[in-house]
């Protein structure tokens, strides 16, 4: 068993490597890492930088929404989720985020509607079904709509 460990500092940025930080995907992955480390402020900053580079980057919009929710900003999270839904009406992760944000805003009927749509799009997703049941909705069975829809923060 390892009792202690050291962490390596990130490598120095060179003129050649600075350009990588101007790619929305790189900023997204940095943000996703911060989010998984329970650092929502830092995550949100990275997602916002990604969105400056590409305002419609779905992964960064959803990541910013989750970070906003963790920072107790559900209205902001709901707005970000709705932006994704407007562009990608079959994005189950966006509906799920909208459901979480709506519930945090005490809009339980709206939350249940969003959870139901997420569970319909990805009926095999246990988290979606669990939140739908928790919101008082029904259960869904696996169906053809679930193919091709992937998670935003994977």
N, C-alpha and C. Protein backbone atom coordinates (compact mmCIF):
# COMPACT_ATOMS: atom_id res chain seq x y z
N UNK A 1 0.83 -1.17 0.00
CA UNK A 1 0.00 0.00 0.00
C UNK A 1 0.88 1.25 0.00
N UNK A 2 0.55 2.20 -0.83
CA UNK A 2 1.31 3.44 -0.93
C UNK A 2 0.86 4.38 0.18
N UNK A 3 1.79 4.82 1.01
CA UNK A 3 1.44 5.70 2.11
C UNK A 3 1.56 7.16 1.74
N UNK A 4 2.37 7.47 0.79
CA UNK A 4 2.48 8.86 0.35
C UNK A 4 2.83 8.88 -1.13
N UNK A 5 2.59 9.99 -1.72
CA UNK A 5 2.90 10.14 -3.13
C UNK A 5 3.18 11.60 -3.41
N UNK A 6 3.84 11.84 -4.48
CA UNK A 6 4.09 13.23 -4.87
C UNK A 6 3.38 13.49 -6.19
N UNK A 7 3.08 14.71 -6.41
CA UNK A 7 2.42 15.07 -7.66
C UNK A 7 3.42 15.80 -8.55
N UNK A 8 3.30 15.57 -9.79
CA UNK A 8 4.17 16.23 -10.76
C UNK A 8 3.53 17.53 -11.20
N UNK A 9 4.31 18.53 -11.32
CA UNK A 9 3.83 19.80 -11.85
C UNK A 9 3.62 19.66 -13.35
N UNK A 10 2.65 20.39 -13.89
CA UNK A 10 2.47 20.30 -15.34
C UNK A 10 3.70 20.86 -16.05
N UNK A 11 3.97 20.39 -17.24
CA UNK A 11 5.14 20.86 -17.96
C UNK A 11 4.99 22.35 -18.31
N UNK A 12 6.11 22.99 -18.48
CA UNK A 12 6.11 24.40 -18.88
C UNK A 12 5.48 24.54 -20.26
N UNK A 13 4.73 25.60 -20.43
CA UNK A 13 4.18 25.88 -21.75
C UNK A 13 5.27 26.48 -22.62
N UNK A 14 5.36 25.99 -23.81
CA UNK A 14 6.30 26.54 -24.77
C UNK A 14 5.50 27.25 -25.85
N UNK A 15 6.17 27.94 -26.70
CA UNK A 15 5.48 28.61 -27.80
C UNK A 15 4.69 27.60 -28.63
N UNK A 16 5.25 26.40 -28.78
CA UNK A 16 4.57 25.37 -29.57
C UNK A 16 3.35 24.80 -28.85
N UNK A 17 3.40 24.72 -27.52
CA UNK A 17 2.29 24.10 -26.81
C UNK A 17 1.19 25.08 -26.43
N UNK A 18 1.44 26.37 -26.42
CA UNK A 18 0.42 27.36 -26.06
C UNK A 18 -0.79 27.28 -26.98
N UNK A 19 -0.59 26.92 -28.21
CA UNK A 19 -1.70 26.87 -29.15
C UNK A 19 -2.74 25.82 -28.75
N UNK A 20 -2.32 24.80 -28.02
CA UNK A 20 -3.26 23.77 -27.59
C UNK A 20 -4.33 24.35 -26.66
N UNK A 21 -3.97 25.36 -25.87
CA UNK A 21 -4.93 25.97 -24.97
C UNK A 21 -5.97 26.81 -25.72
N UNK A 22 -5.77 27.00 -27.00
CA UNK A 22 -6.74 27.74 -27.81
C UNK A 22 -7.70 26.79 -28.51
N UNK A 23 -7.74 25.56 -28.06
CA UNK A 23 -8.67 24.58 -28.62
C UNK A 23 -9.76 24.31 -27.59
N UNK A 24 -11.02 24.47 -27.99
CA UNK A 24 -12.10 24.26 -27.02
C UNK A 24 -12.09 22.88 -26.37
N UNK A 25 -11.70 21.86 -27.12
CA UNK A 25 -11.66 20.52 -26.56
C UNK A 25 -10.67 20.38 -25.43
N UNK A 26 -9.54 21.06 -25.54
CA UNK A 26 -8.54 21.01 -24.47
C UNK A 26 -9.08 21.70 -23.23
N UNK A 27 -9.67 22.87 -23.41
CA UNK A 27 -10.26 23.59 -22.28
C UNK A 27 -11.38 22.77 -21.64
N UNK A 28 -12.17 22.09 -22.48
CA UNK A 28 -13.23 21.24 -21.94
C UNK A 28 -12.64 20.16 -21.02
N UNK A 29 -11.60 19.46 -21.48
CA UNK A 29 -11.04 18.37 -20.68
C UNK A 29 -10.41 18.88 -19.39
N UNK A 30 -9.82 20.06 -19.44
CA UNK A 30 -9.29 20.65 -18.21
C UNK A 30 -10.45 20.93 -17.25
N UNK A 31 -11.52 21.51 -17.78
CA UNK A 31 -12.70 21.79 -16.96
C UNK A 31 -13.33 20.52 -16.39
N UNK A 32 -13.43 19.48 -17.22
CA UNK A 32 -14.01 18.22 -16.75
C UNK A 32 -13.17 17.62 -15.63
N UNK A 33 -11.86 17.76 -15.74
CA UNK A 33 -10.97 17.26 -14.69
C UNK A 33 -11.21 18.03 -13.39
N UNK A 34 -11.29 19.35 -13.49
CA UNK A 34 -11.57 20.15 -12.29
C UNK A 34 -12.93 19.78 -11.69
N UNK A 35 -13.90 19.56 -12.53
CA UNK A 35 -15.24 19.22 -12.04
C UNK A 35 -15.21 17.89 -11.28
N UNK A 36 -14.49 16.91 -11.81
CA UNK A 36 -14.38 15.61 -11.13
C UNK A 36 -13.61 15.72 -9.83
N UNK A 37 -12.75 16.73 -9.72
CA UNK A 37 -11.99 16.95 -8.49
C UNK A 37 -12.74 17.87 -7.52
N UNK A 38 -14.03 18.09 -7.78
CA UNK A 38 -14.86 18.94 -6.92
C UNK A 38 -14.32 20.37 -6.83
N UNK A 39 -13.90 20.91 -7.96
CA UNK A 39 -13.40 22.28 -8.05
C UNK A 39 -14.26 23.04 -9.06
N UNK A 40 -15.53 23.31 -8.73
CA UNK A 40 -16.44 23.86 -9.73
C UNK A 40 -16.09 25.27 -10.22
N UNK A 41 -15.48 26.10 -9.37
CA UNK A 41 -15.10 27.44 -9.83
C UNK A 41 -14.08 27.36 -10.94
N UNK A 42 -13.05 26.52 -10.72
CA UNK A 42 -12.01 26.35 -11.73
C UNK A 42 -12.57 25.69 -12.98
N UNK A 43 -13.45 24.72 -12.78
CA UNK A 43 -14.07 24.04 -13.92
C UNK A 43 -14.86 25.03 -14.75
N UNK A 44 -15.67 25.85 -14.08
CA UNK A 44 -16.49 26.81 -14.81
C UNK A 44 -15.63 27.78 -15.61
N UNK A 45 -14.52 28.21 -15.04
CA UNK A 45 -13.62 29.12 -15.76
C UNK A 45 -13.10 28.46 -17.04
N UNK A 46 -12.75 27.18 -16.97
CA UNK A 46 -12.25 26.48 -18.15
C UNK A 46 -13.35 26.30 -19.20
N UNK A 47 -14.55 25.93 -18.74
CA UNK A 47 -15.67 25.77 -19.68
C UNK A 47 -16.01 27.11 -20.35
N UNK A 48 -15.94 28.19 -19.58
CA UNK A 48 -16.21 29.51 -20.16
C UNK A 48 -15.17 29.88 -21.21
N UNK A 49 -13.92 29.53 -20.95
CA UNK A 49 -12.88 29.79 -21.95
C UNK A 49 -13.12 28.96 -23.20
N UNK A 50 -13.55 27.73 -23.03
CA UNK A 50 -13.87 26.89 -24.19
C UNK A 50 -15.02 27.51 -24.98
N UNK A 51 -16.01 28.04 -24.26
CA UNK A 51 -17.17 28.62 -24.94
C UNK A 51 -16.84 29.95 -25.61
N UNK A 52 -15.81 30.64 -25.15
CA UNK A 52 -15.35 31.82 -25.87
C UNK A 52 -14.76 31.42 -27.22
N UNK A 53 -14.13 30.26 -27.25
CA UNK A 53 -13.54 29.76 -28.49
C UNK A 53 -14.59 29.15 -29.41
N UNK A 54 -15.60 28.50 -28.83
CA UNK A 54 -16.68 27.89 -29.60
C UNK A 54 -17.97 27.98 -28.77
N UNK A 55 -18.78 29.03 -29.00
CA UNK A 55 -19.96 29.28 -28.17
C UNK A 55 -21.01 28.17 -28.18
N UNK A 56 -20.93 27.26 -29.13
CA UNK A 56 -21.93 26.18 -29.20
C UNK A 56 -21.36 24.80 -28.89
N UNK A 57 -20.20 24.76 -28.25
CA UNK A 57 -19.59 23.48 -27.89
C UNK A 57 -20.46 22.77 -26.84
N UNK A 58 -21.13 21.72 -27.25
CA UNK A 58 -22.10 21.04 -26.40
C UNK A 58 -21.49 20.55 -25.10
N UNK A 59 -20.34 19.91 -25.17
CA UNK A 59 -19.73 19.37 -23.95
C UNK A 59 -19.42 20.48 -22.96
N UNK A 60 -18.93 21.62 -23.47
CA UNK A 60 -18.59 22.73 -22.57
C UNK A 60 -19.84 23.39 -22.02
N UNK A 61 -20.90 23.47 -22.81
CA UNK A 61 -22.16 24.02 -22.30
C UNK A 61 -22.69 23.16 -21.15
N UNK A 62 -22.68 21.84 -21.35
CA UNK A 62 -23.15 20.94 -20.30
C UNK A 62 -22.22 20.96 -19.09
N UNK A 63 -20.93 20.99 -19.34
CA UNK A 63 -19.97 21.07 -18.23
C UNK A 63 -20.16 22.34 -17.42
N UNK A 64 -20.35 23.46 -18.12
CA UNK A 64 -20.59 24.73 -17.43
C UNK A 64 -21.90 24.66 -16.65
N UNK A 65 -22.88 23.97 -17.20
CA UNK A 65 -24.15 23.80 -16.49
C UNK A 65 -23.98 23.01 -15.20
N UNK A 66 -23.23 21.92 -15.27
CA UNK A 66 -23.00 21.11 -14.06
C UNK A 66 -22.19 21.90 -13.03
N UNK A 67 -21.17 22.63 -13.50
CA UNK A 67 -20.39 23.45 -12.57
C UNK A 67 -21.27 24.52 -11.94
N UNK A 68 -22.14 25.14 -12.73
CA UNK A 68 -23.05 26.16 -12.20
C UNK A 68 -23.98 25.57 -11.16
N UNK A 69 -24.47 24.37 -11.42
CA UNK A 69 -25.34 23.71 -10.47
C UNK A 69 -24.59 23.44 -9.16
N UNK A 70 -23.34 23.00 -9.26
CA UNK A 70 -22.52 22.75 -8.07
C UNK A 70 -22.25 24.04 -7.30
N UNK A 71 -22.27 25.16 -8.00
CA UNK A 71 -22.05 26.47 -7.36
C UNK A 71 -23.36 27.11 -6.90
N UNK A 72 -24.42 26.32 -6.92
CA UNK A 72 -25.75 26.77 -6.50
C UNK A 72 -26.28 27.92 -7.37
N UNK A 73 -26.10 27.74 -8.66
CA UNK A 73 -26.62 28.69 -9.65
C UNK A 73 -27.53 27.93 -10.61
N UNK A 74 -28.66 27.42 -10.11
CA UNK A 74 -29.51 26.58 -10.95
C UNK A 74 -30.14 27.30 -12.14
N UNK A 75 -30.42 28.58 -12.02
CA UNK A 75 -31.00 29.30 -13.16
C UNK A 75 -30.00 29.35 -14.31
N UNK A 76 -28.74 29.57 -13.98
CA UNK A 76 -27.69 29.58 -15.01
C UNK A 76 -27.56 28.19 -15.63
N UNK A 77 -27.58 27.16 -14.80
CA UNK A 77 -27.48 25.79 -15.30
C UNK A 77 -28.64 25.46 -16.22
N UNK A 78 -29.84 25.88 -15.85
CA UNK A 78 -31.01 25.61 -16.69
C UNK A 78 -30.90 26.32 -18.03
N UNK A 79 -30.43 27.55 -18.02
CA UNK A 79 -30.24 28.28 -19.28
C UNK A 79 -29.25 27.59 -20.20
N UNK A 80 -28.17 27.09 -19.64
CA UNK A 80 -27.17 26.38 -20.45
C UNK A 80 -27.74 25.08 -21.01
N UNK A 81 -28.48 24.35 -20.17
CA UNK A 81 -29.10 23.10 -20.63
C UNK A 81 -30.09 23.38 -21.77
N UNK A 82 -30.85 24.44 -21.63
CA UNK A 82 -31.84 24.77 -22.67
C UNK A 82 -31.17 25.20 -23.98
N UNK A 83 -29.98 25.80 -23.89
CA UNK A 83 -29.24 26.11 -25.12
C UNK A 83 -28.88 24.83 -25.86
N UNK A 84 -28.45 23.82 -25.13
CA UNK A 84 -28.11 22.55 -25.77
C UNK A 84 -29.36 21.91 -26.35
N UNK A 85 -30.45 21.91 -25.59
CA UNK A 85 -31.70 21.31 -26.07
C UNK A 85 -32.17 21.98 -27.35
N UNK A 86 -32.01 23.30 -27.45
CA UNK A 86 -32.42 24.02 -28.66
C UNK A 86 -31.62 23.57 -29.87
N UNK A 87 -30.33 23.27 -29.67
CA UNK A 87 -29.46 22.84 -30.77
C UNK A 87 -29.50 21.34 -31.02
N UNK A 88 -29.72 20.58 -29.96
CA UNK A 88 -29.69 19.12 -30.03
C UNK A 88 -30.88 18.54 -29.27
N UNK A 89 -32.05 18.52 -29.89
CA UNK A 89 -33.25 18.11 -29.16
C UNK A 89 -33.28 16.63 -28.73
N UNK A 90 -32.29 15.84 -29.11
CA UNK A 90 -32.24 14.46 -28.62
C UNK A 90 -31.05 14.23 -27.69
N UNK A 91 -30.54 15.28 -27.09
CA UNK A 91 -29.42 15.15 -26.16
C UNK A 91 -29.97 14.86 -24.76
N UNK A 92 -29.94 13.61 -24.36
CA UNK A 92 -30.50 13.19 -23.08
C UNK A 92 -29.80 13.85 -21.90
N UNK A 93 -28.51 14.06 -22.00
CA UNK A 93 -27.76 14.68 -20.91
C UNK A 93 -28.24 16.11 -20.66
N UNK A 94 -28.62 16.82 -21.71
CA UNK A 94 -29.12 18.19 -21.55
C UNK A 94 -30.46 18.18 -20.82
N UNK A 95 -31.33 17.23 -21.15
CA UNK A 95 -32.61 17.13 -20.45
C UNK A 95 -32.41 16.77 -18.99
N UNK A 96 -31.45 15.89 -18.73
CA UNK A 96 -31.16 15.50 -17.35
C UNK A 96 -30.67 16.70 -16.54
N UNK A 97 -29.73 17.45 -17.11
CA UNK A 97 -29.23 18.66 -16.45
C UNK A 97 -30.37 19.65 -16.22
N UNK A 98 -31.23 19.82 -17.22
CA UNK A 98 -32.38 20.72 -17.07
C UNK A 98 -33.29 20.25 -15.95
N UNK A 99 -33.46 18.94 -15.81
CA UNK A 99 -34.26 18.40 -14.72
C UNK A 99 -33.65 18.69 -13.36
N UNK A 100 -32.35 18.49 -13.24
CA UNK A 100 -31.67 18.78 -11.97
C UNK A 100 -31.79 20.25 -11.61
N UNK A 101 -31.57 21.11 -12.60
CA UNK A 101 -31.65 22.56 -12.36
C UNK A 101 -33.07 22.98 -12.01
N UNK A 102 -34.05 22.43 -12.72
CA UNK A 102 -35.45 22.77 -12.44
C UNK A 102 -35.84 22.34 -11.03
N UNK A 103 -35.39 21.15 -10.63
CA UNK A 103 -35.68 20.70 -9.28
C UNK A 103 -35.05 21.63 -8.24
N UNK A 104 -33.83 22.08 -8.51
CA UNK A 104 -33.16 23.00 -7.59
C UNK A 104 -33.90 24.34 -7.51
N UNK A 105 -34.63 24.68 -8.56
CA UNK A 105 -35.43 25.91 -8.58
C UNK A 105 -36.85 25.67 -8.06
N UNK A 106 -37.11 24.47 -7.53
CA UNK A 106 -38.42 24.08 -7.02
C UNK A 106 -39.50 24.05 -8.09
N UNK A 107 -39.11 23.83 -9.33
CA UNK A 107 -40.06 23.67 -10.44
C UNK A 107 -40.23 22.17 -10.67
N UNK A 108 -40.94 21.51 -9.78
CA UNK A 108 -40.99 20.05 -9.78
C UNK A 108 -41.69 19.47 -11.01
N UNK A 109 -42.73 20.12 -11.49
CA UNK A 109 -43.42 19.61 -12.68
C UNK A 109 -42.51 19.69 -13.89
N UNK A 110 -41.84 20.83 -14.04
CA UNK A 110 -40.90 20.99 -15.15
C UNK A 110 -39.75 19.99 -15.02
N UNK A 111 -39.26 19.78 -13.80
CA UNK A 111 -38.17 18.82 -13.58
C UNK A 111 -38.60 17.42 -14.02
N UNK A 112 -39.80 17.02 -13.62
CA UNK A 112 -40.29 15.69 -14.00
C UNK A 112 -40.39 15.54 -15.51
N UNK A 113 -40.81 16.60 -16.19
CA UNK A 113 -40.90 16.57 -17.66
C UNK A 113 -39.52 16.38 -18.29
N UNK A 114 -38.53 17.10 -17.78
CA UNK A 114 -37.17 16.96 -18.30
C UNK A 114 -36.61 15.57 -18.01
N UNK A 115 -36.82 15.06 -16.79
CA UNK A 115 -36.33 13.72 -16.46
C UNK A 115 -37.01 12.66 -17.32
N UNK A 116 -38.29 12.85 -17.58
CA UNK A 116 -39.00 11.88 -18.42
C UNK A 116 -38.43 11.86 -19.83
N UNK A 117 -38.13 13.02 -20.37
CA UNK A 117 -37.55 13.08 -21.72
C UNK A 117 -36.17 12.43 -21.74
N UNK A 118 -35.35 12.70 -20.72
CA UNK A 118 -34.02 12.09 -20.64
C UNK A 118 -34.13 10.57 -20.58
N UNK A 119 -35.04 10.08 -19.73
CA UNK A 119 -35.22 8.63 -19.57
C UNK A 119 -35.79 8.00 -20.83
N UNK A 120 -36.58 8.73 -21.58
CA UNK A 120 -37.12 8.22 -22.84
C UNK A 120 -36.01 8.08 -23.88
N UNK A 121 -35.12 9.07 -23.90
CA UNK A 121 -34.01 9.05 -24.86
C UNK A 121 -32.96 8.00 -24.51
N UNK A 122 -32.75 7.77 -23.21
CA UNK A 122 -31.77 6.77 -22.75
C UNK A 122 -32.39 5.91 -21.67
N UNK A 123 -33.30 5.02 -22.05
CA UNK A 123 -34.01 4.23 -21.03
C UNK A 123 -33.11 3.29 -20.24
N UNK A 124 -31.93 2.97 -20.74
CA UNK A 124 -31.03 2.09 -20.01
C UNK A 124 -30.24 2.84 -18.94
N UNK A 125 -30.32 4.16 -18.90
CA UNK A 125 -29.55 4.96 -17.96
C UNK A 125 -30.24 4.95 -16.59
N UNK A 126 -29.62 4.27 -15.64
CA UNK A 126 -30.22 4.10 -14.31
C UNK A 126 -30.38 5.43 -13.58
N UNK A 127 -29.44 6.35 -13.73
CA UNK A 127 -29.55 7.65 -13.06
C UNK A 127 -30.76 8.42 -13.58
N UNK A 128 -30.99 8.36 -14.88
CA UNK A 128 -32.14 9.05 -15.46
C UNK A 128 -33.44 8.46 -14.92
N UNK A 129 -33.52 7.14 -14.90
CA UNK A 129 -34.73 6.47 -14.40
C UNK A 129 -34.94 6.75 -12.91
N UNK A 130 -33.86 6.74 -12.16
CA UNK A 130 -33.95 6.99 -10.71
C UNK A 130 -34.49 8.40 -10.45
N UNK A 131 -33.98 9.40 -11.17
CA UNK A 131 -34.46 10.77 -10.97
C UNK A 131 -35.89 10.94 -11.46
N UNK A 132 -36.25 10.24 -12.51
CA UNK A 132 -37.62 10.28 -13.00
C UNK A 132 -38.56 9.71 -11.94
N UNK A 133 -38.21 8.57 -11.37
CA UNK A 133 -39.03 7.97 -10.32
C UNK A 133 -39.09 8.86 -9.08
N UNK A 134 -37.98 9.46 -8.76
CA UNK A 134 -37.92 10.37 -7.61
C UNK A 134 -38.81 11.60 -7.83
N UNK A 135 -38.93 12.04 -9.08
CA UNK A 135 -39.76 13.20 -9.41
C UNK A 135 -41.22 12.83 -9.55
N UNK A 136 -41.53 11.54 -9.40
CA UNK A 136 -42.92 11.11 -9.46
C UNK A 136 -43.36 10.67 -10.84
N UNK A 137 -42.40 10.50 -11.75
CA UNK A 137 -42.74 10.04 -13.10
C UNK A 137 -42.78 8.53 -13.15
N UNK A 138 -43.10 8.04 -14.31
CA UNK A 138 -43.19 6.59 -14.51
C UNK A 138 -41.84 5.99 -14.79
N UNK A 139 -41.87 4.76 -15.23
CA UNK A 139 -40.63 4.09 -15.63
C UNK A 139 -40.68 3.87 -17.13
N UNK A 140 -39.51 3.78 -17.71
CA UNK A 140 -39.43 3.54 -19.15
C UNK A 140 -38.71 2.23 -19.38
N UNK A 141 -38.99 1.64 -20.49
CA UNK A 141 -38.29 0.40 -20.85
C UNK A 141 -37.37 0.70 -22.00
N UNK A 142 -36.29 -0.08 -22.16
CA UNK A 142 -35.35 0.18 -23.25
C UNK A 142 -36.04 0.19 -24.60
N UNK A 143 -35.60 1.10 -25.43
CA UNK A 143 -36.19 1.22 -26.76
C UNK A 143 -35.20 1.74 -27.76
N UNK A 144 -35.60 1.94 -29.00
CA UNK A 144 -34.69 2.31 -30.07
C UNK A 144 -34.13 3.72 -29.95
N UNK A 145 -34.76 4.61 -29.18
CA UNK A 145 -34.26 5.98 -29.10
C UNK A 145 -32.92 6.08 -28.40
N UNK A 146 -32.52 5.05 -27.68
CA UNK A 146 -31.30 5.14 -26.88
C UNK A 146 -30.03 5.02 -27.71
N UNK A 147 -30.10 4.53 -28.92
CA UNK A 147 -28.88 4.33 -29.69
C UNK A 147 -28.32 5.65 -30.18
N UNK A 148 -27.01 5.78 -30.06
CA UNK A 148 -26.33 6.95 -30.61
C UNK A 148 -26.27 8.14 -29.69
N UNK A 149 -26.88 8.11 -28.52
CA UNK A 149 -26.83 9.23 -27.60
C UNK A 149 -25.76 8.92 -26.57
N UNK A 150 -24.80 9.83 -26.41
CA UNK A 150 -23.69 9.58 -25.51
C UNK A 150 -23.67 10.59 -24.38
N UNK A 151 -22.98 10.26 -23.30
CA UNK A 151 -22.88 11.14 -22.16
C UNK A 151 -21.97 12.33 -22.42
N UNK A 152 -22.29 13.45 -21.82
CA UNK A 152 -21.56 14.67 -22.07
C UNK A 152 -20.23 14.70 -21.36
N UNK A 153 -20.14 14.14 -20.19
CA UNK A 153 -18.90 14.24 -19.44
C UNK A 153 -18.18 12.90 -19.35
N UNK A 154 -18.09 12.23 -20.47
CA UNK A 154 -17.39 10.95 -20.48
C UNK A 154 -16.05 11.09 -21.13
